[in-house]
Amino acid sequence: MEQQTLVLVKPDGLKKSLTGNVLARLSETKLDIVAAKIVKVSRELAEQHYISLKDKPFFNELLRYLMGEYHKKKVMALVYWGDDAIGKVRKICGATNPEEADPVSIRGAYGRITTKGVYENVIHASTNEEEAEREIKLWFQPDDIIMDLYPSKSVEEKIKRRVWA
């Protein structure tokens, strides 16, 4: 079944120059990248991304981690699409806890747990189709993605934005 999934190369992955390694490993899935961008993560975006963990004692540390307060202040966000995208990507990523992840997985090879208990696990991958849709819509607008993944509509807005001088 064709599906899509959100992948984030987190700030520690960018700080350690692991982007090429991570993308090379993900290429083993034979999935298509249908969207990609570098994002400076706001607190609001981090809170929305990790909304399901809001009641956890490590929530604020997790936000600071995703916002890049410990590493680089950026994340690479990608959307992968194809047959069993969620399962294939999650298998290559490995367990969320780097110490429990298969050593040949991305998290097993590059992740660590900080002294504060934060999993610096280099990468995020959506857990299921519902989460993938929520996360993709959070990180990307329809025009950022080269194919129509979800229903969208055209709206006319008057917005103020920066343009090249």
Protein backbone atom coordinates (compact mmCIF):
# COMPACT_ATOMS: atom_id res chain seq x y z
CA MET A 1 0.00 0.00 0.00
CA GLU A 2 1.37 3.40 -0.97
CA GLN A 3 1.67 5.84 1.89
CA GLN A 4 3.66 8.83 3.04
CA THR A 5 5.65 9.56 6.15
CA LEU A 6 7.35 12.53 7.73
CA VAL A 7 11.06 12.25 8.44
CA LEU A 8 13.01 14.82 10.44
CA VAL A 9 16.78 14.89 10.62
CA LYS A 10 17.01 16.46 14.05
CA PRO A 11 19.46 19.17 15.17
CA ASP A 12 22.01 16.67 16.53
CA GLY A 13 22.07 14.91 13.16
CA LEU A 14 22.78 18.21 11.42
CA LYS A 15 25.40 19.24 14.00
CA LYS A 16 27.25 15.94 13.53
CA SER A 17 27.06 16.24 9.70
CA LEU A 18 25.06 13.02 9.48
CA THR A 19 22.59 14.22 6.84
CA GLY A 20 24.36 12.41 3.99
CA ASN A 21 24.64 9.20 6.02
CA VAL A 22 20.97 9.35 7.02
CA LEU A 23 19.77 10.05 3.47
CA ALA A 24 21.97 7.26 2.12
CA ARG A 25 20.43 4.81 4.59
CA LEU A 26 16.92 6.02 3.77
CA SER A 27 17.62 5.56 0.04
CA GLU A 28 17.75 1.82 0.77
CA THR A 29 13.95 1.95 1.11
CA LYS A 30 13.58 2.83 -2.61
CA LEU A 31 10.96 5.41 -1.58
CA ASP A 32 10.53 8.79 -3.27
CA ILE A 33 11.27 12.09 -1.54
CA VAL A 34 8.27 14.28 -2.41
CA ALA A 35 9.12 17.26 -0.16
CA ALA A 36 12.20 18.56 1.64
CA LYS A 37 13.21 21.73 3.46
CA ILE A 38 15.35 23.13 6.25
CA VAL A 39 13.28 24.56 9.10
CA LYS A 40 14.12 26.77 12.07
CA VAL A 41 11.78 25.21 14.64
CA SER A 42 9.68 27.58 16.73
CA ARG A 43 8.46 26.65 20.18
CA GLU A 44 4.91 26.49 18.82
CA LEU A 45 5.91 24.03 16.08
CA ALA A 46 7.87 21.89 18.55
CA GLU A 47 4.91 21.84 20.98
CA GLN A 48 2.49 20.85 18.23
CA HIS A 49 4.86 18.18 16.92
CA TYR A 50 5.24 16.55 20.34
CA ILE A 51 1.69 17.28 21.59
CA SER A 52 1.17 13.62 22.56
CA LEU A 53 4.08 13.86 25.02
CA LYS A 54 2.88 17.08 26.68
CA ASP A 55 2.34 15.44 30.08
CA LYS A 56 5.77 13.76 30.20
CA PRO A 57 8.37 15.12 32.63
CA PHE A 58 10.92 15.46 29.82
CA PHE A 59 8.59 17.51 27.55
CA ASN A 60 10.42 20.84 27.94
CA GLU A 61 13.83 19.24 27.36
CA LEU A 62 12.41 17.58 24.25
CA LEU A 63 11.18 20.94 22.94
CA ARG A 64 14.56 22.55 23.58
CA TYR A 65 16.23 19.67 21.75
CA LEU A 66 13.99 19.93 18.67
CA MET A 67 14.33 23.72 18.64
CA GLY A 68 18.10 23.27 18.45
CA GLU A 69 19.06 24.82 21.77
CA TYR A 70 21.70 22.11 22.29
CA HIS A 71 22.95 21.82 18.71
CA LYS A 72 22.15 23.65 15.48
CA LYS A 73 18.95 25.66 15.35
CA LYS A 74 17.55 23.80 12.37
CA VAL A 75 15.91 20.58 11.28
CA MET A 76 15.71 18.93 7.86
CA ALA A 77 12.10 17.94 7.18
CA LEU A 78 11.28 15.45 4.44
CA VAL A 79 8.27 13.56 3.17
CA TYR A 80 8.92 10.07 1.83
CA TRP A 81 6.28 8.36 -0.31
CA GLY A 82 5.81 4.86 -1.65
CA ASP A 83 4.90 1.28 -0.80
CA ASP A 84 4.82 0.73 2.99
CA ALA A 85 6.69 4.01 3.55
CA ILE A 86 6.02 4.13 7.30
CA GLY A 87 7.18 0.57 7.97
CA LYS A 88 10.26 0.80 5.76
CA VAL A 89 11.44 4.09 7.25
CA ARG A 90 10.79 3.05 10.84
CA LYS A 91 12.72 -0.19 10.34
CA ILE A 92 15.81 1.68 9.10
CA CYS A 93 15.47 4.27 11.90
CA GLY A 94 15.43 1.67 14.68
CA ALA A 95 13.97 1.91 18.18
CA THR A 96 13.37 5.39 19.62
CA ASN A 97 15.71 4.63 22.52
CA PRO A 98 19.20 4.56 20.95
CA GLU A 99 20.40 2.03 23.54
CA GLU A 100 17.65 -0.40 22.47
CA ALA A 101 18.02 0.24 18.74
CA ASP A 102 19.67 -2.28 16.46
CA PRO A 103 23.31 -1.14 16.08
CA VAL A 104 22.96 -1.08 12.29
CA SER A 105 19.89 1.20 12.44
CA ILE A 106 20.25 4.99 12.19
CA ARG A 107 19.42 5.52 15.87
CA GLY A 108 21.56 2.59 16.98
CA ALA A 109 24.56 3.86 15.04
CA TYR A 110 24.30 7.60 15.76
CA GLY A 111 21.96 8.20 18.71
CA ARG A 112 22.68 8.72 22.40
CA ILE A 113 20.86 9.51 25.63
CA THR A 114 21.89 12.72 27.39
CA THR A 115 22.55 12.95 31.11
CA LYS A 116 19.13 14.68 31.36
CA GLY A 117 17.51 11.61 29.80
CA VAL A 118 16.73 13.17 26.40
CA TYR A 119 16.96 10.74 23.50
CA GLU A 120 19.22 12.44 20.96
CA ASN A 121 18.29 9.92 18.33
CA VAL A 122 19.14 11.90 15.16
CA ILE A 123 15.88 11.20 13.32
CA HIS A 124 12.10 11.27 13.65
CA ALA A 125 9.74 9.10 11.61
CA SER A 126 5.95 9.03 11.80
CA THR A 127 4.53 6.07 13.73
CA ASN A 128 1.33 5.45 11.72
CA GLU A 129 -0.82 6.90 8.92
CA GLU A 130 -2.81 9.21 11.22
CA GLU A 131 0.34 10.66 12.77
CA ALA A 132 1.97 10.95 9.34
CA GLU A 133 -0.94 13.05 8.07
CA ARG A 134 -0.99 15.26 11.17
CA GLU A 135 2.78 15.76 11.08
CA ILE A 136 3.07 16.34 7.33
CA LYS A 137 0.30 18.96 7.50
CA LEU A 138 2.09 20.58 10.45
CA TRP A 139 5.49 20.83 8.72
CA PHE A 140 4.45 21.38 5.08
CA GLN A 141 1.88 23.29 3.04
CA PRO A 142 0.26 21.58 0.02
CA ASP A 143 2.40 23.56 -2.45
CA ASP A 144 5.60 22.41 -0.68
CA ILE A 145 4.90 18.83 -1.77
CA ILE A 146 5.30 17.75 -5.40
CA MET A 147 2.20 15.54 -5.37
CA ASP A 148 -1.30 15.75 -3.90
CA LEU A 149 -1.14 13.63 -0.75
CA TYR A 150 -4.28 14.96 0.93
CA PRO A 151 -7.28 16.98 -0.20
CA SER A 152 -6.54 20.69 -0.41
CA LYS A 153 -8.24 23.85 -1.63
CA SER A 154 -7.14 27.11 -3.18
CA VAL A 155 -7.71 30.25 -1.16
CA GLU A 156 -6.98 33.85 -1.93
CA GLU A 157 -5.20 35.62 0.90
CA LYS A 158 -3.68 39.01 1.30
CA ILE A 159 -0.51 38.40 3.27
CA LYS A 160 2.59 40.34 4.06
CA ARG A 161 5.77 38.42 3.34
CA ARG A 162 9.41 39.02 2.63
CA VAL A 163 10.56 39.00 -0.98
CA TRP A 164 13.97 39.31 -2.56
CA ALA A 165 15.14 42.93 -2.82
